[in-house]
């Protein structure tokens, strides 16, 4: 007859005894403390693994001990933009012994507020957030939290603590200036739900400013109250070109997903790019550069944003000074669609 598996959990004392160190040294090693030598760290980790020991992180946090968790709140994981940011965060945090705990706000300020409340109640070491129009309550909670907070993706607004990103208004302005310099005069716009995506709204605002500088206005504008997608971009361009007026010579899309949909519409409708219609997007996604005609776009340095935000958290935790605003910039990608 097989022996029943013991339900007793291995203890820290047993881990320390097997590794041949004190309990305090074993505890420090399992927390990732830099005061433990690599040799000791390896012995403790091997002992813990052999015993099946799992550290009770909640107990340490409730006792006022240090947490190795960093809260991360993103608005979406439905396209590659935020997974790229998350990869940068994870790589930098994991290397330093910290782990991200993720929440998705779905571009809903109320849901974002609840996520902030829940994550802060677990006493994380820090918090990284891509805001979705933070409520007053959200800002108050973050302001009162005794931990480093990094708002990511844009630097167009005043952060509670620190911000890492780029100017989306500046990106829209730069694209408008570039396209106008290329000779385009009838420029239109197709976008997703900018009422909830304030970064896309800021890019449109910057794009309009660029047109105004040149004495121009949008030759057409279609915004759809749905999340960004390739299918939505295709439908949006179809709607724009159906209005019966003089067609634009270029369409600026709210992002690359939408712009790729626009390219697909042109392919289906027999519209030659860029001879009959030019297209530009935003983000610099691989899919846009893999099209038969590479997309003109603006590359946002998403992984770098994640890495830099994690670096700000780690610096603050180690007592180093950090910048309030960190601009990672953006890069214009001159593709063949314009």
Protein backbone atom coordinates (compact mmCIF):
# COMPACT_ATOMS: atom_id res chain seq x y z
CA UNK A 1 0.00 0.00 0.00
CA UNK A 2 1.39 3.44 -0.96
CA UNK A 3 2.27 5.84 1.77
CA UNK A 4 -0.06 8.85 2.00
CA UNK A 5 1.55 12.17 1.14
CA UNK A 6 2.24 14.28 4.21
CA UNK A 7 0.18 17.50 4.42
CA UNK A 8 2.75 19.18 6.65
CA UNK A 9 4.47 22.10 4.92
CA UNK A 10 8.27 22.36 5.15
CA UNK A 11 9.50 25.18 7.39
CA UNK A 12 12.15 27.84 7.04
CA UNK A 13 14.03 26.14 9.89
CA UNK A 14 14.28 22.97 7.82
CA UNK A 15 15.48 24.89 4.77
CA UNK A 16 18.16 26.61 6.85
CA UNK A 17 19.25 23.32 8.43
CA UNK A 18 19.58 21.59 5.06
CA UNK A 19 21.55 24.52 3.62
CA UNK A 20 23.74 24.74 6.71
CA UNK A 21 22.92 28.38 7.45
CA UNK A 22 20.97 30.33 10.05
CA UNK A 23 17.24 31.02 9.65
CA UNK A 24 17.86 34.74 9.18
CA UNK A 25 20.37 34.02 6.40
CA UNK A 26 17.92 31.63 4.73
CA UNK A 27 15.19 34.25 5.00
CA UNK A 28 17.41 36.93 3.46
CA UNK A 29 18.40 34.60 0.63
CA UNK A 30 14.79 33.76 -0.21
CA UNK A 31 13.90 37.47 -0.22
CA UNK A 32 16.68 38.14 -2.74
CA UNK A 33 18.73 40.28 -0.37
CA UNK A 34 22.03 41.47 -1.83
CA UNK A 35 23.84 40.89 1.49
CA UNK A 36 23.85 37.13 0.84
CA UNK A 37 26.73 35.69 -1.18
CA UNK A 38 25.94 33.91 -4.45
CA UNK A 39 27.22 30.64 -3.00
CA UNK A 40 24.92 30.87 0.01
CA UNK A 41 22.01 31.93 -2.18
CA UNK A 42 22.46 28.84 -4.34
CA UNK A 43 22.62 26.52 -1.33
CA UNK A 44 19.44 27.99 0.18
CA UNK A 45 17.56 27.89 -3.14
CA UNK A 46 18.57 24.26 -3.69
CA UNK A 47 17.50 23.34 -0.15
CA UNK A 48 14.14 25.08 -0.61
CA UNK A 49 13.58 23.35 -3.94
CA UNK A 50 14.44 19.93 -2.57
CA UNK A 51 12.02 20.37 0.34
CA UNK A 52 9.28 21.97 -1.72
CA UNK A 53 9.39 25.08 0.47
CA UNK A 54 7.31 28.11 -0.57
CA UNK A 55 7.87 31.46 1.08
CA UNK A 56 4.79 33.09 2.64
CA UNK A 57 5.11 36.54 1.08
CA UNK A 58 1.81 37.76 2.51
CA UNK A 59 2.94 37.06 6.06
CA UNK A 60 6.05 39.11 5.49
CA UNK A 61 4.08 42.02 4.09
CA UNK A 62 1.57 41.94 6.94
CA UNK A 63 4.44 41.96 9.40
CA UNK A 64 5.83 45.08 7.75
CA UNK A 65 8.56 43.22 5.90
CA UNK A 66 9.74 44.13 2.41
CA UNK A 67 7.63 43.04 -0.56
CA UNK A 68 9.14 41.87 -3.82
CA UNK A 69 5.95 42.45 -5.79
CA UNK A 70 5.35 45.46 -8.05
CA UNK A 71 1.78 46.28 -9.04
CA UNK A 72 1.25 46.90 -12.76
CA UNK A 73 -1.98 48.32 -14.20
CA UNK A 74 -2.38 48.35 -17.99
CA UNK A 75 -5.47 49.32 -20.01
CA UNK A 76 -5.35 46.35 -22.39
CA UNK A 77 -3.46 43.30 -23.60
CA UNK A 78 -5.43 42.99 -26.85
CA UNK A 79 -2.58 44.22 -29.05
CA UNK A 80 1.20 43.94 -28.93
CA UNK A 81 1.78 47.44 -27.50
CA UNK A 82 1.23 46.70 -23.82
CA UNK A 83 2.69 43.17 -23.87
CA UNK A 84 5.90 44.79 -25.17
CA UNK A 85 5.84 47.23 -22.25
CA UNK A 86 5.17 44.37 -19.84
CA UNK A 87 8.12 42.42 -21.25
CA UNK A 88 10.45 45.34 -20.53
CA UNK A 89 9.09 45.60 -16.99
CA UNK A 90 9.33 41.88 -16.32
CA UNK A 91 12.87 41.52 -17.62
CA UNK A 92 14.22 44.32 -15.45
CA UNK A 93 12.20 43.47 -12.33
CA UNK A 94 12.78 39.71 -12.43
CA UNK A 95 16.53 40.25 -12.77
CA UNK A 96 16.42 42.28 -9.54
CA UNK A 97 14.29 39.72 -7.67
CA UNK A 98 10.94 41.50 -8.03
CA UNK A 99 7.77 40.21 -9.67
CA UNK A 100 4.98 42.16 -11.41
CA UNK A 101 1.38 41.61 -10.35
CA UNK A 102 -0.86 42.59 -13.26
CA UNK A 103 -4.29 44.21 -13.47
CA UNK A 104 -6.19 45.26 -16.63
CA UNK A 105 -8.38 48.38 -16.51
CA UNK A 106 -10.00 48.04 -19.98
CA UNK A 107 -9.69 51.83 -20.34
CA UNK A 108 -12.27 52.23 -17.55
CA UNK A 109 -11.33 54.85 -14.90
CA UNK A 110 -13.62 53.25 -12.32
CA UNK A 111 -12.15 49.80 -12.87
CA UNK A 112 -8.70 51.39 -12.72
CA UNK A 113 -9.59 52.97 -9.36
CA UNK A 114 -10.65 49.58 -7.97
CA UNK A 115 -7.45 47.95 -9.21
CA UNK A 116 -5.35 50.64 -7.52
CA UNK A 117 -7.24 50.11 -4.27
CA UNK A 118 -6.84 46.33 -4.43
CA UNK A 119 -3.17 46.34 -5.38
CA UNK A 120 -2.20 48.90 -2.74
CA UNK A 121 -3.92 46.80 -0.08
CA UNK A 122 -1.32 44.10 -0.75
CA UNK A 123 1.49 46.54 0.08
CA UNK A 124 3.58 46.19 -3.09
CA UNK A 125 7.11 47.56 -3.32
CA UNK A 126 5.98 49.93 -6.09
CA UNK A 127 3.31 50.50 -8.70
CA UNK A 128 3.47 51.08 -12.46
CA UNK A 129 0.37 52.31 -14.25
CA UNK A 130 -0.61 53.32 -17.77
CA UNK A 131 -3.44 55.66 -16.74
CA UNK A 132 -6.88 55.54 -18.32
CA UNK A 133 -8.13 58.92 -17.13
CA UNK A 134 -7.50 58.57 -13.41
CA UNK A 135 -10.26 59.63 -11.03
CA UNK A 136 -9.63 62.05 -8.16
CA UNK A 137 -9.84 59.09 -5.77
CA UNK A 138 -7.20 57.22 -7.77
CA UNK A 139 -4.80 60.16 -7.66
CA UNK A 140 -5.42 60.61 -3.94
CA UNK A 141 -4.64 56.94 -3.25
CA UNK A 142 -1.44 57.05 -5.27
CA UNK A 143 -0.38 60.35 -3.70
CA UNK A 144 -0.85 58.92 -0.23
CA UNK A 145 0.85 55.60 -0.96
CA UNK A 146 4.24 55.30 0.69
CA UNK A 147 5.86 53.69 -2.35
CA UNK A 148 7.29 54.68 -5.74
CA UNK A 149 4.66 55.17 -8.48
CA UNK A 150 5.50 55.41 -12.18
CA UNK A 151 2.93 56.50 -14.76
CA UNK A 152 3.95 55.16 -18.16
CA UNK A 153 3.38 55.73 -21.87
CA UNK A 154 3.11 59.53 -21.98
CA UNK A 155 4.60 62.66 -20.46
CA UNK A 156 1.89 65.11 -21.56
CA UNK A 157 0.24 65.19 -18.12
CA UNK A 158 1.45 65.96 -14.59
CA UNK A 159 2.26 62.68 -12.79
CA UNK A 160 1.51 61.91 -9.16
CA UNK A 161 5.12 60.80 -8.64
CA UNK A 162 7.13 59.84 -11.76
CA UNK A 163 6.35 59.49 -15.47
CA UNK A 164 8.14 57.54 -18.21
CA UNK A 165 7.09 57.73 -21.83
CA UNK A 166 6.84 60.11 -24.75
CA UNK A 167 4.77 63.07 -25.85
CA UNK A 168 1.88 61.71 -27.90
CA UNK A 169 0.87 65.24 -28.79
CA UNK A 170 4.42 65.77 -30.04
CA UNK A 171 4.28 62.54 -32.05
CA UNK A 172 1.11 63.65 -33.85
CA UNK A 173 2.60 67.07 -34.53
CA UNK A 174 5.83 65.58 -35.89
CA UNK A 175 3.94 63.26 -38.24
CA UNK A 176 1.82 66.13 -39.59
CA UNK A 177 4.91 68.22 -40.27
CA UNK A 178 6.63 65.31 -42.00
CA UNK A 179 3.69 64.55 -44.26
CA UNK A 180 3.09 68.18 -45.16
CA UNK A 181 6.79 68.50 -46.04
CA UNK A 182 6.29 65.53 -48.39
CA UNK A 183 3.66 67.58 -50.24
CA UNK A 184 0.40 66.18 -48.85
CA UNK A 185 -2.39 68.74 -48.47
CA UNK A 186 -5.64 66.78 -48.11
CA UNK A 187 -5.00 64.84 -44.92
CA UNK A 188 -7.78 62.89 -43.18
CA UNK A 189 -8.00 60.83 -39.98
CA UNK A 190 -9.48 57.44 -39.03
CA UNK A 191 -9.44 56.42 -35.38
CA UNK A 192 -10.78 54.10 -32.72
CA UNK A 193 -12.51 55.13 -29.49
CA UNK A 194 -10.44 58.20 -28.61
CA UNK A 195 -13.01 59.19 -25.98
CA UNK A 196 -11.46 56.50 -23.77
CA UNK A 197 -7.92 56.40 -25.20
CA UNK A 198 -6.57 59.82 -24.22
CA UNK A 199 -3.15 59.07 -25.73
CA UNK A 200 -4.71 58.56 -29.18
CA UNK A 201 -6.71 61.75 -28.60
CA UNK A 202 -3.48 63.62 -27.81
CA UNK A 203 -1.90 62.40 -31.06
CA UNK A 204 -4.92 63.64 -33.02
CA UNK A 205 -4.66 66.99 -31.24
CA UNK A 206 -0.97 67.25 -32.18
CA UNK A 207 -1.76 66.25 -35.77
CA UNK A 208 -4.41 68.97 -36.01
CA UNK A 209 -1.92 71.52 -34.67
CA UNK A 210 0.53 70.56 -37.39
CA UNK A 211 -2.15 71.13 -40.02
CA UNK A 212 -3.07 74.47 -38.50
CA UNK A 213 0.57 75.58 -38.68
CA UNK A 214 0.41 75.03 -42.46
CA UNK A 215 -2.99 76.69 -42.83
CA UNK A 216 -4.75 73.36 -43.31
CA UNK A 217 -7.64 71.50 -41.70
CA UNK A 218 -8.59 67.83 -41.71
CA UNK A 219 -10.06 66.81 -45.05
CA UNK A 220 -12.15 64.19 -43.27
CA UNK A 221 -12.42 62.51 -39.88
CA UNK A 222 -13.97 59.18 -38.86
CA UNK A 223 -13.77 57.99 -35.26
CA UNK A 224 -15.52 54.80 -34.20
CA UNK A 225 -16.61 54.08 -30.62
CA UNK A 226 -14.95 50.67 -30.47
CA UNK A 227 -11.53 49.42 -29.35
CA UNK A 228 -8.73 49.49 -31.88
CA UNK A 229 -8.47 46.56 -34.30
CA UNK A 230 -7.41 45.75 -37.85
CA UNK A 231 -11.03 45.12 -38.83
CA UNK A 232 -12.10 48.48 -37.39
CA UNK A 233 -9.43 50.29 -39.40
CA UNK A 234 -10.61 48.63 -42.60
CA UNK A 235 -14.21 49.57 -41.88
CA UNK A 236 -13.26 53.12 -40.89
CA UNK A 237 -11.42 53.80 -44.14
CA UNK A 238 -14.33 52.38 -46.14
CA UNK A 239 -16.67 54.79 -44.33
CA UNK A 240 -14.35 57.75 -44.91
CA UNK A 241 -14.11 57.12 -48.63
CA UNK A 242 -17.87 56.63 -48.97
CA UNK A 243 -18.83 60.23 -48.14
CA UNK A 244 -18.89 61.25 -51.81
CA UNK A 245 -16.66 64.32 -51.50
CA UNK A 246 -13.18 64.92 -52.81
CA UNK A 247 -11.11 62.04 -51.46
CA UNK A 248 -8.09 62.73 -49.25
CA UNK A 249 -4.59 62.12 -50.53
CA UNK A 250 -3.46 60.72 -47.15
CA UNK A 251 -5.14 59.14 -44.12
CA UNK A 252 -3.52 59.21 -40.69
CA UNK A 253 -4.74 56.35 -38.48
CA UNK A 254 -4.87 56.31 -34.69
CA UNK A 255 -2.39 53.41 -34.61
CA UNK A 256 -0.79 50.68 -36.73
CA UNK A 257 -3.54 48.12 -36.11
CA UNK A 258 -6.04 50.50 -37.63
CA UNK A 259 -3.65 51.51 -40.43
CA UNK A 260 -3.04 47.87 -41.40
CA UNK A 261 -6.82 47.52 -41.74
CA UNK A 262 -6.73 50.56 -44.01
CA UNK A 263 -4.07 48.93 -46.17
CA UNK A 264 -6.23 45.79 -46.44
CA UNK A 265 -9.18 47.91 -47.59
CA UNK A 266 -7.02 49.48 -50.28
CA UNK A 267 -5.83 46.06 -51.44
CA UNK A 268 -9.42 44.79 -51.67
CA UNK A 269 -10.69 47.93 -53.40
CA UNK A 270 -7.83 48.14 -55.89
CA UNK A 271 -6.51 51.43 -54.47
CA UNK A 272 -2.80 51.84 -55.21
CA UNK A 273 -0.54 52.80 -52.31
CA UNK A 274 0.73 55.48 -52.15
CA UNK A 275 -0.14 56.70 -55.67
CA UNK A 276 -3.90 56.94 -55.16
CA UNK A 277 -3.95 57.12 -51.39
CA UNK A 278 -1.21 57.36 -48.75
CA UNK A 279 -1.47 55.91 -45.25
CA UNK A 280 0.35 56.55 -41.96
CA UNK A 281 0.00 55.01 -38.50
CA UNK A 282 1.52 54.98 -35.04
CA UNK A 283 3.49 52.50 -32.90
CA UNK A 284 5.96 50.89 -35.32
CA UNK A 285 4.50 47.39 -35.04
CA UNK A 286 6.17 44.48 -36.82
CA UNK A 287 3.00 43.69 -38.77
CA UNK A 288 3.04 47.14 -40.34
CA UNK A 289 6.64 46.74 -41.46
CA UNK A 290 5.90 43.24 -42.82
CA UNK A 291 3.22 44.37 -45.27
CA UNK A 292 3.97 44.18 -49.02
CA UNK A 293 4.47 47.95 -48.77
CA UNK A 294 5.95 48.89 -45.38
CA UNK A 295 3.81 51.26 -43.33
CA UNK A 296 4.81 54.85 -42.65
CA UNK A 297 4.51 55.23 -38.90
CA UNK A 298 5.97 56.48 -35.64
CA UNK A 299 7.88 53.95 -33.55
CA UNK A 300 7.10 54.11 -29.84
CA UNK A 301 9.89 52.59 -27.76
CA UNK A 302 7.59 50.35 -25.76
CA UNK A 303 10.02 47.82 -24.32
CA UNK A 304 12.34 50.67 -23.33
CA UNK A 305 9.44 52.36 -21.52
CA UNK A 306 8.90 49.20 -19.46
CA UNK A 307 12.60 48.77 -18.71
CA UNK A 308 12.99 52.43 -17.73
CA UNK A 309 9.92 52.40 -15.50
CA UNK A 310 11.23 49.32 -13.68
CA UNK A 311 14.58 51.06 -13.32
CA UNK A 312 12.89 54.05 -11.68
CA UNK A 313 11.17 51.77 -9.16
CA UNK A 314 14.43 49.97 -8.33
CA UNK A 315 16.42 53.19 -7.99
CA UNK A 316 13.86 54.71 -5.63
CA UNK A 317 13.82 51.54 -3.52
CA UNK A 318 17.60 51.68 -3.21
CA UNK A 319 17.46 55.31 -2.07
CA UNK A 320 18.68 56.88 -5.31
CA UNK A 321 17.25 60.08 -6.78
CA UNK A 322 14.99 59.69 -9.82
CA UNK A 323 13.75 62.13 -12.44
CA UNK A 324 10.12 63.20 -12.25
CA UNK A 325 9.79 62.98 -16.05
CA UNK A 326 11.71 60.63 -18.34
CA UNK A 327 11.19 61.11 -22.08
CA UNK A 328 12.21 58.02 -24.10
CA UNK A 329 11.25 59.78 -27.33
CA UNK A 330 9.86 58.36 -30.57
CA UNK A 331 11.19 57.66 -34.08
CA UNK A 332 9.65 58.42 -37.44
CA UNK A 333 9.58 55.38 -39.74
CA UNK A 334 9.43 56.39 -43.43
CA UNK A 335 7.68 53.45 -45.05
CA UNK A 336 6.38 53.01 -48.57
CA UNK A 337 2.74 53.89 -47.87
CA UNK A 338 3.38 57.65 -48.09
